[in-house]
Amino acid sequence: MPLLEVTTPLLAREFITLPARLHAGVPQYIGPLENEVEVVFDPIKNPKFANGEAIRWVLTDAAGTTIGRVAAFLNRDAPDVQNPDLPTGGLGFFECIDDQAAANQLFDAGRQWLAARGMQAMDGPINFGERDRFWGLLIDGFDRPPNYGMFWHPPYYQALFEQYGFQLYFKQYTCYRTTAAPLHARFAQQAAGHAAEFRFEHARKADAEKLAYDFHHVYNLAWAKHGGVKPMTLDQARNIVKEMKPVVDERLLWFAYHGSEPVAFFISLPELNQIFRHVGRRLNLWGKLRFLVARWRFMRRPDKRMFGIIYGVVPEYQGKGVDAAMLVYARQQFIDAGYADLEMNWIGDFNPRMLVTIRSIGASIVKTHATYRYLFDRERPFERMPIIR
């Protein structure tokens, strides 16, 4: 089976369009915007190329039909790559027919390329970018469509990875609850108890600078010390706010304040795949016009779905019920804005505190993605992602 490095526009097109062909006829499948996948491999648009590199391959059968794809990459600024004990590169964007030999050929290509660059392990499937998208292999919840930024995968992919020798590094859960479901009575008690000391309110799109500052402040205190997460600059926060602006609903961007200091946030967006499934795979001029129409219709529905992007509490205020009180205030706004369902992406099994919070608000796990690790030294003992204490 010929394995071809993606070096021409034609092969790049094969790489981009393969998933839609492989999963044609699957009602749950919603593919990512092709533009967003292309950006990942554009050295001009993806800042990870500043001190990193990536390669893509497509695999064809004897007749020249594309039957698989994969990418390998490393970002020399990433903690996993810099780890002197186990420098670890990335493998992602895997798609393949149900054929172990074909999958092995793709995995071998990524392993050999990374080993030649000094890596001793590879994680996959992951993104050559941030963890908020294109990260993890779907291993449960195949009957549900993917949320924006997540891939849908068929069940046989799990066997392709595990039979090659990939081992589970961590799981990522997607959790669900209806917004109308009541919260535990203690949440209301905590909200009442914190009413005098804290202020809870949603952001204002019109004040983008304040939104960027508040997000940057809480994120760096709540998340930047976690493994694999780097501190965010204020300019990066400004760029995130700018990118979100066309799709954001300010009623879903909640902050808790102690005096003037932001101390917690719960950031959500309208579930964009419910819009993009009516737009098509390319956000060209025609696609943008269709997006505006689809978004206008979606925002007027009384049964919208939202999805949580990130949640965090400044360590000094953790365990004090500030997050619970914030949810009490936010929940009624969600209902009033016509959001019937909430899904929360990317809750790692290495974060038991977050899992306790999820259970406490009555949410249940509906999808599971796996991030795998493959050790090049097959005799080396395997260790899972450390638990956040």
Foldseek 3Di string as FASTA:
>chain_A
DDKAWPDDPVVLVLLLCVVCVVCPPPVQFDDAFSVVVVLLQDCVNAVLVVQKHKIKIFDADPVRRTFKIKMWMARCVWPCCVPPVFRETEMASIDGDLDLVVLLVRVVVRVVVVVVVPGQKYKDDQGSHDRLARGFAWQFQLSHHDFHRYGRDDNSVVVSCVVSPWDFQWKKFKKKDWLPDDADPVLVVLLVVCVVQKDKDFDDLVCLLVQLVQVLVQCCQWPCPDHRHHRDDSVNSSVVSVVCVVFADRLQWMFMDGVNHTFKIWHKTFRCSQQCVQQDNHCDPSSVVSSVVSSVVQQPALATEMEIRDIGGRVVCPPSSRVSSNSVVSSVSCNVSRHTMYMYTTDIPLEVVVVVVCVNRPIDTNIMGTMIMHGNPPPDDDDHDHRDD
